[in-house]
Amino acid sequence: MPPLPPPSLAQRRPRPVRRRRGRFPGRLLLLVCGVGALIWLSRGRWWPTPPPPQLILVLGGDVARERHAAALAEARGLPVVVSGGSNPEYARWLFQQRQGLSPGQVQLDYRARDTLSNFTSLVDDLHRARIRHALLVTSSDHMDRALLVGRIVAGSRGIQLTPEPVDCADQCRPERRRKVWGDGLRALVWLVSGRDLRHWAAVHLDHGRW
């Protein structure tokens, strides 16, 4: 009996196409974390000695931070940038009328929505202004996370940060290490991809593609 001819294309059953679910590449995350850790541990060998502080960077969230920065600016004669701080009317009263700083000495910026964007929204502006060393003002219970994120983001532009913590006394709420390292991971991902991991996750979770 002669062999049967192969089935025609019309008779062949197409194989079901499996769609791959969009996932954030886990290996990329591990690589980013590994490279970031190596850079962080070796920074003392290649990081140049910074110049004296050129700027005071204030992270909004508590007016006590702005009061501390205003007094610091008056004492040291440094310009101030407030990222995501209090409303403009109060801030101008505090810095200019109460503390006596000139309008050109204070810049109010409201682009930030969280700790990561406090830095990503400003870092290129600071780099263009040739800032290499800034005093970082935030509450003492927020400083670990802010300093980790800031040293990754600002450090990528050659800007060094010196902490100026503001005592939060009985209002302190120590942050969980998971939150601190989570924002550190977001900063590393931003450094590599230019994107915020939280925004990426929100889009993919909304569409059931995590």
C-alpha atoms as a PDB file:
ATOM      1  CA  MET A   1       0.000   0.000   0.000  1.00  0.00           C
ATOM      2  CA  PRO A   2       1.579   3.310  -1.014  1.00  0.00           C
ATOM      3  CA  PRO A   3       2.171   5.858   1.753  1.00  0.00           C
ATOM      4  CA  LEU A   4      -0.530   8.406   2.293  1.00  0.00           C
ATOM      5  CA  PRO A   5       0.260  11.919   1.103  1.00  0.00           C
ATOM      6  CA  PRO A   6       0.826  14.518   3.816  1.00  0.00           C
ATOM      7  CA  PRO A   7      -2.294  16.371   4.841  1.00  0.00           C
ATOM      8  CA  SER A   8      -2.905  19.625   3.062  1.00  0.00           C
ATOM      9  CA  LEU A   9      -2.455  22.911   4.847  1.00  0.00           C
ATOM     10  CA  ALA A  10      -6.214  23.203   5.123  1.00  0.00           C
ATOM     11  CA  GLN A  11      -6.369  19.897   6.983  1.00  0.00           C
ATOM     12  CA  ARG A  12      -3.620  20.640   9.435  1.00  0.00           C
ATOM     13  CA  ARG A  13      -4.735  21.847  12.815  1.00  0.00           C
ATOM     14  CA  PRO A  14      -2.932  25.000  13.880  1.00  0.00           C
ATOM     15  CA  ARG A  15      -1.212  24.768  17.210  1.00  0.00           C
ATOM     16  CA  PRO A  16      -2.603  27.080  19.844  1.00  0.00           C
ATOM     17  CA  VAL A  17      -0.459  30.124  20.336  1.00  0.00           C
ATOM     18  CA  ARG A  18       0.604  30.601  23.918  1.00  0.00           C
ATOM     19  CA  ARG A  19       0.973  34.143  25.020  1.00  0.00           C
ATOM     20  CA  ARG A  20       3.793  34.878  27.317  1.00  0.00           C
ATOM     21  CA  ARG A  21       2.847  36.815  30.338  1.00  0.00           C
ATOM     22  CA  GLY A  22       4.748  40.018  30.744  1.00  0.00           C
ATOM     23  CA  ARG A  23       7.150  39.694  33.628  1.00  0.00           C
ATOM     24  CA  PHE A  24       9.838  41.919  34.920  1.00  0.00           C
ATOM     25  CA  PRO A  25      13.088  40.101  34.119  1.00  0.00           C
ATOM     26  CA  GLY A  26      14.201  38.679  37.435  1.00  0.00           C
ATOM     27  CA  ARG A  27      17.748  38.106  36.249  1.00  0.00           C
ATOM     28  CA  LEU A  28      18.020  41.766  35.311  1.00  0.00           C
ATOM     29  CA  LEU A  29      16.977  42.729  38.821  1.00  0.00           C
ATOM     30  CA  LEU A  30      19.642  40.468  40.320  1.00  0.00           C
ATOM     31  CA  LEU A  31      22.247  41.874  37.951  1.00  0.00           C
ATOM     32  CA  VAL A  32      21.272  45.441  38.784  1.00  0.00           C
ATOM     33  CA  CYS A  33      21.426  44.740  42.512  1.00  0.00           C
ATOM     34  CA  GLY A  34      24.781  42.994  42.192  1.00  0.00           C
ATOM     35  CA  VAL A  35      26.366  45.775  40.169  1.00  0.00           C
ATOM     36  CA  GLY A  36      24.900  48.402  42.476  1.00  0.00           C
ATOM     37  CA  ALA A  37      26.249  46.612  45.548  1.00  0.00           C
ATOM     38  CA  LEU A  38      29.740  46.378  44.033  1.00  0.00           C
ATOM     39  CA  ILE A  39      29.713  50.064  43.137  1.00  0.00           C
ATOM     40  CA  TRP A  40      28.478  50.972  46.596  1.00  0.00           C
ATOM     41  CA  LEU A  41      31.107  48.887  48.409  1.00  0.00           C
ATOM     42  CA  SER A  42      33.968  50.192  46.268  1.00  0.00           C
ATOM     43  CA  ARG A  43      32.955  53.851  46.243  1.00  0.00           C
ATOM     44  CA  GLY A  44      35.618  54.885  48.743  1.00  0.00           C
ATOM     45  CA  ARG A  45      38.380  54.038  46.252  1.00  0.00           C
ATOM     46  CA  TRP A  46      37.147  56.070  43.292  1.00  0.00           C
ATOM     47  CA  TRP A  47      34.893  58.762  44.813  1.00  0.00           C
ATOM     48  CA  PRO A  48      36.828  62.053  44.851  1.00  0.00           C
ATOM     49  CA  THR A  49      36.964  64.279  47.890  1.00  0.00           C
ATOM     50  CA  PRO A  50      33.925  66.567  47.632  1.00  0.00           C
ATOM     51  CA  PRO A  51      34.153  70.356  47.682  1.00  0.00           C
ATOM     52  CA  PRO A  52      32.488  72.234  50.558  1.00  0.00           C
ATOM     53  CA  PRO A  53      28.676  72.056  50.463  1.00  0.00           C
ATOM     54  CA  GLN A  54      27.213  74.162  47.667  1.00  0.00           C
ATOM     55  CA  LEU A  55      23.504  73.656  48.283  1.00  0.00           C
ATOM     56  CA  ILE A  56      20.885  72.591  50.829  1.00  0.00           C
ATOM     57  CA  LEU A  57      18.405  70.053  49.477  1.00  0.00           C
ATOM     58  CA  VAL A  58      15.229  69.736  51.559  1.00  0.00           C
ATOM     59  CA  LEU A  59      12.795  66.842  51.117  1.00  0.00           C
ATOM     60  CA  GLY A  60       9.216  67.880  51.793  1.00  0.00           C
ATOM     61  CA  GLY A  61       6.870  66.102  54.149  1.00  0.00           C
ATOM     62  CA  ASP A  62       7.276  68.056  57.383  1.00  0.00           C
ATOM     63  CA  VAL A  63       7.581  71.818  57.844  1.00  0.00           C
ATOM     64  CA  ALA A  64      10.157  71.178  60.581  1.00  0.00           C
ATOM     65  CA  ARG A  65      12.549  70.197  57.799  1.00  0.00           C
ATOM     66  CA  GLU A  66      12.023  73.528  56.082  1.00  0.00           C
ATOM     67  CA  ARG A  67      12.507  75.466  59.333  1.00  0.00           C
ATOM     68  CA  HIS A  68      15.767  73.600  59.937  1.00  0.00           C
ATOM     69  CA  ALA A  69      16.936  74.286  56.382  1.00  0.00           C
ATOM     70  CA  ALA A  70      16.061  77.982  56.668  1.00  0.00           C
ATOM     71  CA  ALA A  71      18.194  78.382  59.776  1.00  0.00           C
ATOM     72  CA  LEU A  72      20.998  76.367  58.173  1.00  0.00           C
ATOM     73  CA  ALA A  73      20.890  78.499  55.028  1.00  0.00           C
ATOM     74  CA  GLU A  74      21.107  81.713  57.023  1.00  0.00           C
ATOM     75  CA  ALA A  75      24.022  80.411  59.085  1.00  0.00           C
ATOM     76  CA  ARG A  76      26.018  79.045  56.148  1.00  0.00           C
ATOM     77  CA  GLY A  77      24.948  81.372  53.351  1.00  0.00           C
ATOM     78  CA  LEU A  78      23.908  78.526  51.057  1.00  0.00           C
ATOM     79  CA  PRO A  79      21.079  78.365  48.506  1.00  0.00           C
ATOM     80  CA  VAL A  80      18.122  76.088  49.262  1.00  0.00           C
ATOM     81  CA  VAL A  81      16.088  73.792  47.039  1.00  0.00           C
ATOM     82  CA  VAL A  82      12.872  72.413  48.548  1.00  0.00           C
ATOM     83  CA  SER A  83      11.475  69.362  46.790  1.00  0.00           C
ATOM     84  CA  GLY A  84       7.780  68.696  47.357  1.00  0.00           C
ATOM     85  CA  GLY A  85       7.506  70.932  50.411  1.00  0.00           C
ATOM     86  CA  SER A  86       4.784  73.080  51.934  1.00  0.00           C
ATOM     87  CA  ASN A  87       2.591  75.455  49.951  1.00  0.00           C
ATOM     88  CA  PRO A  88       4.375  78.391  48.270  1.00  0.00           C
ATOM     89  CA  GLU A  89       2.781  81.045  50.497  1.00  0.00           C
ATOM     90  CA  TYR A  90       4.023  79.470  53.720  1.00  0.00           C
ATOM     91  CA  ALA A  91       7.425  78.597  52.273  1.00  0.00           C
ATOM     92  CA  ARG A  92       8.047  82.146  51.047  1.00  0.00           C
ATOM     93  CA  TRP A  93       6.988  83.565  54.401  1.00  0.00           C
ATOM     94  CA  LEU A  94       9.282  81.164  56.254  1.00  0.00           C
ATOM     95  CA  PHE A  95      12.393  81.601  54.129  1.00  0.00           C
ATOM     96  CA  GLN A  96      12.115  85.239  53.103  1.00  0.00           C
ATOM     97  CA  GLN A  97      10.147  87.092  55.771  1.00  0.00           C
ATOM     98  CA  ARG A  98      10.909  85.092  58.890  1.00  0.00           C
ATOM     99  CA  GLN A  99      14.457  83.985  58.105  1.00  0.00           C
ATOM    100  CA  GLY A 100      15.433  86.912  55.880  1.00  0.00           C
ATOM    101  CA  LEU A 101      16.737  84.963  52.902  1.00  0.00           C
ATOM    102  CA  SER A 102      16.681  86.601  49.482  1.00  0.00           C
ATOM    103  CA  PRO A 103      14.172  85.299  46.887  1.00  0.00           C
ATOM    104  CA  GLY A 104      17.051  84.142  44.678  1.00  0.00           C
ATOM    105  CA  GLN A 105      18.418  81.997  47.490  1.00  0.00           C
ATOM    106  CA  VAL A 106      15.367  79.698  47.642  1.00  0.00           C
ATOM    107  CA  GLN A 107      13.926  77.460  44.929  1.00  0.00           C
ATOM    108  CA  LEU A 108      10.608  75.644  45.433  1.00  0.00           C
ATOM    109  CA  ASP A 109      10.021  72.567  43.307  1.00  0.00           C
ATOM    110  CA  TYR A 110       6.769  70.583  43.352  1.00  0.00           C
ATOM    111  CA  ARG A 111       7.411  67.849  40.771  1.00  0.00           C
ATOM    112  CA  ALA A 112       8.197  65.116  43.315  1.00  0.00           C
ATOM    113  CA  ARG A 113       5.574  62.651  44.546  1.00  0.00           C
ATOM    114  CA  ASP A 114       7.751  60.410  46.726  1.00  0.00           C
ATOM    115  CA  THR A 115      11.328  59.904  47.908  1.00  0.00           C
ATOM    116  CA  LEU A 116      12.625  58.554  44.605  1.00  0.00           C
ATOM    117  CA  SER A 117      11.160  61.405  42.559  1.00  0.00           C
ATOM    118  CA  ASN A 118      12.553  63.896  45.102  1.00  0.00           C
ATOM    119  CA  PHE A 119      15.880  63.080  43.485  1.00  0.00           C
ATOM    120  CA  THR A 120      15.033  62.004  39.929  1.00  0.00           C
ATOM    121  CA  SER A 121      13.070  65.209  39.261  1.00  0.00           C
ATOM    122  CA  LEU A 122      15.997  67.424  40.281  1.00  0.00           C
ATOM    123  CA  VAL A 123      19.225  65.549  39.713  1.00  0.00           C
ATOM    124  CA  ASP A 124      19.798  66.679  36.127  1.00  0.00           C
ATOM    125  CA  ASP A 125      19.080  70.305  37.057  1.00  0.00           C
ATOM    126  CA  LEU A 126      21.635  70.095  39.860  1.00  0.00           C
ATOM    127  CA  HIS A 127      24.145  68.450  37.555  1.00  0.00           C
ATOM    128  CA  ARG A 128      23.746  71.234  34.976  1.00  0.00           C
ATOM    129  CA  ALA A 129      24.249  73.773  37.771  1.00  0.00           C
ATOM    130  CA  ARG A 130      27.556  71.991  38.571  1.00  0.00           C
ATOM    131  CA  ILE A 131      26.512  71.004  42.068  1.00  0.00           C
ATOM    132  CA  ARG A 132      28.874  68.361  43.430  1.00  0.00           C
ATOM    133  CA  HIS A 133      28.044  68.428  47.127  1.00  0.00           C
ATOM    134  CA  ALA A 134      24.724  69.076  48.860  1.00  0.00           C
ATOM    135  CA  LEU A 135      23.464  68.945  52.421  1.00  0.00           C
ATOM    136  CA  LEU A 136      20.447  66.637  52.607  1.00  0.00           C
ATOM    137  CA  VAL A 137      17.749  67.752  55.058  1.00  0.00           C
ATOM    138  CA  THR A 138      14.979  65.390  56.087  1.00  0.00           C
ATOM    139  CA  SER A 139      13.560  63.862  59.276  1.00  0.00           C
ATOM    140  CA  SER A 140      15.834  61.496  61.177  1.00  0.00           C
ATOM    141  CA  ASP A 141      13.450  58.558  60.725  1.00  0.00           C
ATOM    142  CA  HIS A 142      13.416  59.133  56.951  1.00  0.00           C
ATOM    143  CA  MET A 143      17.132  59.718  56.514  1.00  0.00           C
ATOM    144  CA  ASP A 144      18.274  56.109  55.921  1.00  0.00           C
ATOM    145  CA  ARG A 145      15.903  55.630  52.982  1.00  0.00           C
ATOM    146  CA  ALA A 146      16.490  59.125  51.590  1.00  0.00           C
ATOM    147  CA  LEU A 147      20.254  58.760  51.816  1.00  0.00           C
ATOM    148  CA  LEU A 148      20.246  55.342  50.138  1.00  0.00           C
ATOM    149  CA  VAL A 149      18.088  56.566  47.249  1.00  0.00           C
ATOM    150  CA  GLY A 150      19.921  59.885  47.012  1.00  0.00           C
ATOM    151  CA  ARG A 151      23.381  58.387  46.915  1.00  0.00           C
ATOM    152  CA  ILE A 152      22.339  56.112  44.065  1.00  0.00           C
ATOM    153  CA  VAL A 153      20.510  58.747  42.000  1.00  0.00           C
ATOM    154  CA  ALA A 154      22.565  61.844  42.812  1.00  0.00           C
ATOM    155  CA  GLY A 155      25.752  59.795  42.954  1.00  0.00           C
ATOM    156  CA  SER A 156      25.181  58.774  39.335  1.00  0.00           C
ATOM    157  CA  ARG A 157      25.671  62.448  38.433  1.00  0.00           C
ATOM    158  CA  GLY A 158      28.707  62.911  40.664  1.00  0.00           C
ATOM    159  CA  ILE A 159      26.771  64.678  43.431  1.00  0.00           C
ATOM    160  CA  GLN A 160      27.649  63.749  46.982  1.00  0.00           C
ATOM    161  CA  LEU A 161      25.247  64.113  49.881  1.00  0.00           C
ATOM    162  CA  THR A 162      25.921  64.876  53.520  1.00  0.00           C
ATOM    163  CA  PRO A 163      23.044  64.100  55.892  1.00  0.00           C
ATOM    164  CA  GLU A 164      21.511  66.871  58.001  1.00  0.00           C
ATOM    165  CA  PRO A 165      18.843  64.978  59.969  1.00  0.00           C
ATOM    166  CA  VAL A 166      16.009  66.826  61.677  1.00  0.00           C
ATOM    167  CA  ASP A 167      15.045  65.401  65.058  1.00  0.00           C
ATOM    168  CA  CYS A 168      11.456  64.150  64.960  1.00  0.00           C
ATOM    169  CA  ALA A 169      11.356  63.383  68.720  1.00  0.00           C
ATOM    170  CA  ASP A 170       8.148  61.613  69.759  1.00  0.00           C
ATOM    171  CA  GLN A 171       6.785  61.813  66.199  1.00  0.00           C
ATOM    172  CA  CYS A 172       9.443  59.454  64.839  1.00  0.00           C
ATOM    173  CA  ARG A 173       8.160  56.374  63.054  1.00  0.00           C
ATOM    174  CA  PRO A 174      11.057  54.031  62.229  1.00  0.00           C
ATOM    175  CA  GLU A 175      10.748  52.715  58.699  1.00  0.00           C
ATOM    176  CA  ARG A 176      10.807  49.012  57.928  1.00  0.00           C
ATOM    177  CA  ARG A 177      13.950  47.744  56.232  1.00  0.00           C
ATOM    178  CA  ARG A 178      11.765  46.311  53.475  1.00  0.00           C
ATOM    179  CA  LYS A 179      10.638  49.825  52.593  1.00  0.00           C
ATOM    180  CA  VAL A 180      14.179  51.185  52.702  1.00  0.00           C
ATOM    181  CA  TRP A 181      15.627  48.475  50.457  1.00  0.00           C
ATOM    182  CA  GLY A 182      12.562  48.528  48.218  1.00  0.00           C
ATOM    183  CA  ASP A 183      13.169  52.175  47.388  1.00  0.00           C
ATOM    184  CA  GLY A 184      16.860  51.407  46.955  1.00  0.00           C
ATOM    185  CA  LEU A 185      15.928  48.786  44.374  1.00  0.00           C
ATOM    186  CA  ARG A 186      13.664  51.275  42.593  1.00  0.00           C
ATOM    187  CA  ALA A 187      16.573  53.716  42.457  1.00  0.00           C
ATOM    188  CA  LEU A 188      18.865  51.084  40.939  1.00  0.00           C
ATOM    189  CA  VAL A 189      16.266  50.169  38.322  1.00  0.00           C
ATOM    190  CA  TRP A 190      15.815  53.859  37.497  1.00  0.00           C
ATOM    191  CA  LEU A 191      19.588  54.189  37.151  1.00  0.00           C
ATOM    192  CA  VAL A 192      19.726  51.369  34.590  1.00  0.00           C
ATOM    193  CA  SER A 193      16.463  51.861  32.715  1.00  0.00           C
ATOM    194  CA  GLY A 194      15.369  55.429  33.405  1.00  0.00           C
ATOM    195  CA  ARG A 195      12.025  54.063  34.618  1.00  0.00           C
ATOM    196  CA  ASP A 196      10.359  53.796  37.992  1.00  0.00           C
ATOM    197  CA  LEU A 197       9.704  50.173  38.970  1.00  0.00           C
ATOM    198  CA  ARG A 198       6.599  51.217  40.915  1.00  0.00           C
ATOM    199  CA  HIS A 199       5.010  52.770  37.825  1.00  0.00           C
ATOM    200  CA  TRP A 200       5.896  49.696  35.755  1.00  0.00           C
ATOM    201  CA  ALA A 201       4.397  47.363  38.347  1.00  0.00           C
ATOM    202  CA  ALA A 202       1.226  49.436  38.621  1.00  0.00           C
ATOM    203  CA  VAL A 203       0.626  49.223  34.867  1.00  0.00           C
ATOM    204  CA  HIS A 204       1.236  45.475  34.698  1.00  0.00           C
ATOM    205  CA  LEU A 205      -0.705  44.666  37.842  1.00  0.00           C
ATOM    206  CA  ASP A 206      -3.665  46.663  36.575  1.00  0.00           C
ATOM    207  CA  HIS A 207      -3.703  44.497  33.470  1.00  0.00           C
ATOM    208  CA  GLY A 208      -3.111  41.240  35.335  1.00  0.00           C
ATOM    209  CA  ARG A 209       0.319  40.794  33.771  1.00  0.00           C
ATOM    210  CA  TRP A 210       2.613  40.747  36.813  1.00  0.00           C
END
